[in-house]
Amino acid sequence: MNISATPLPCPFCGKEPGNLLMVKIYCATDDCAIFDIPVDIGKWNRREAAAGNKEGNSS
């Protein structure tokens, strides 16, 4: 896991997330579906790659 990577925008609202010591990322937008739910930065940043792998394997 690369903890120095810049976090991607929130997958729900598209705004910049907040972070807890660059280990946990959360959406800081109070009207977002995932507001204030901490997620590992590695999982937060890998979400697009995981979705792309599923699409590529479904042929």
Protein backbone atom coordinates (compact mmCIF):
# COMPACT_ATOMS: atom_id res chain seq x y z
CA MET A 1 0.00 0.00 0.00
CA ASN A 2 1.30 3.43 -0.94
CA ILE A 3 0.29 5.71 1.92
CA SER A 4 1.94 8.71 0.25
CA ALA A 5 -0.48 8.61 -2.71
CA THR A 6 -2.88 11.50 -3.20
CA PRO A 7 -6.41 10.36 -2.32
CA LEU A 8 -8.93 10.21 -5.17
CA PRO A 9 -12.11 12.30 -4.91
CA CYS A 10 -15.12 10.79 -3.15
CA PRO A 11 -16.84 8.18 -5.36
CA PHE A 12 -20.30 9.47 -4.33
CA CYS A 13 -20.08 13.26 -4.33
CA GLY A 14 -16.80 13.84 -6.21
CA LYS A 15 -15.37 16.24 -3.64
CA GLU A 16 -11.96 16.04 -2.00
CA PRO A 17 -11.91 13.71 1.02
CA GLY A 18 -10.59 14.34 4.49
CA ASN A 19 -7.89 12.13 6.01
CA LEU A 20 -6.72 10.78 9.33
CA LEU A 21 -2.90 10.88 9.21
CA MET A 22 -3.03 9.70 5.54
CA VAL A 23 -3.95 6.20 6.76
CA LYS A 24 -7.75 6.48 6.80
CA ILE A 25 -9.73 8.55 4.28
CA TYR A 26 -13.31 9.76 4.69
CA CYS A 27 -15.71 12.04 2.88
CA ALA A 28 -15.84 15.38 4.65
CA THR A 29 -19.00 16.57 2.84
CA ASP A 30 -21.78 16.41 5.44
CA ASP A 31 -24.58 15.63 2.96
CA CYS A 32 -22.70 12.75 1.26
CA ALA A 33 -23.79 9.10 1.56
CA ILE A 34 -20.44 8.08 3.07
CA PHE A 35 -19.83 11.18 5.21
CA ASP A 36 -17.37 10.56 8.05
CA ILE A 37 -16.92 6.80 7.38
CA PRO A 38 -13.17 6.05 7.54
CA VAL A 39 -11.70 3.77 4.83
CA ASP A 40 -8.08 2.60 4.38
CA ILE A 41 -6.34 4.87 1.86
CA GLY A 42 -5.25 1.82 -0.17
CA LYS A 43 -8.85 0.62 -0.57
CA TRP A 44 -10.10 4.14 -1.30
CA ASN A 45 -7.56 4.63 -4.10
CA ARG A 46 -7.92 1.11 -5.61
CA ARG A 47 -11.68 1.22 -6.15
CA GLU A 48 -11.46 2.07 -9.87
CA ALA A 49 -8.89 -0.64 -10.59
CA ALA A 50 -11.10 -3.25 -8.91
CA ALA A 51 -14.12 -2.20 -10.98
CA GLY A 52 -12.06 -2.32 -14.18
CA ASN A 53 -10.85 -5.84 -13.39
CA LYS A 54 -14.42 -7.10 -12.93
CA GLU A 55 -15.50 -5.71 -16.29
CA GLY A 56 -12.49 -7.20 -18.05
CA ASN A 57 -13.12 -10.67 -16.59
CA SER A 58 -16.79 -10.88 -17.56
CA SER A 59 -16.31 -11.67 -21.27
